[in-house]
Amino acid sequence: MAYRVFEGQSGYSFELQDTRRQVARSLSRLTKSFVPRVDAPGTLSDLRINASAKKSAQQGLKESNAALREAWNKDLLKRLVLRSAEDFGRQCLGSTSTNARQVAHRKLNEGSCIAVRRGTRVLFPEFQIDLDTLQLYPEIAQLIAHFPGLREKPERSMSLLRWMDQPHPALYGLTPFDRWNQGQRASVVQALVDELAPDVDGQPA
């Protein structure tokens, strides 16, 4: 995928959003092209052909979505500052422990921070840390607590990061990362809480 890189997170995210829309439109046209048109009542054989073509199109759409998500993950991780567990515990959390790695993993297991995998390595995004105080921002634990399934399955952290990388209507079109970097971390948590709040039908908004 080709991107134009802007200085600010906002411009970059909007460019990425446009790319996803273009891919979605292309995949929609591809799905329709798989399904034969039947202008008159068809035979059972016609119906089977339609069902088979639809299933093939759906599988192709699923594989394309997975490839797009994987490309997004790789691009996102390139844009984040990632620290090793040792680095995160010692330099970011100010640990004087002889095993700072254990400090980082203890914070991860407590649900106080997130980590991502790059190959076989477990890495910790630096944006979670207040570098002036060497303390974790409390809002990251609040995001973890509210994001579906993340507390039970820390490996879902990429889902949270992708959510933070998309323009959000409650944040006036800025991404949660934009607001976070502006110091408006509470508004990011509130946007997530409001998004997950049930509407009048009992479904998430």
Foldseek 3Di string as FASTA:
>chain_A
DDFDDDPALLVRLVRVVVVVVVVVVVLVVVLVVQADDDPDDDDPVNVVSRVVSNVVSVVVVVVVVVVSLVVVLVVLVVPFDKAALQCLQCQQQVDPDPRSSVVSVVCCLVLLAAWEDDPNGTIGTNLQGDNVVSDGDNLSSLCCVLPPPCNVPSNCVSVVSVQQSHQAVQVVRGGVVNCSVVVNSVSSSVSSVQQQQADPVRGGD
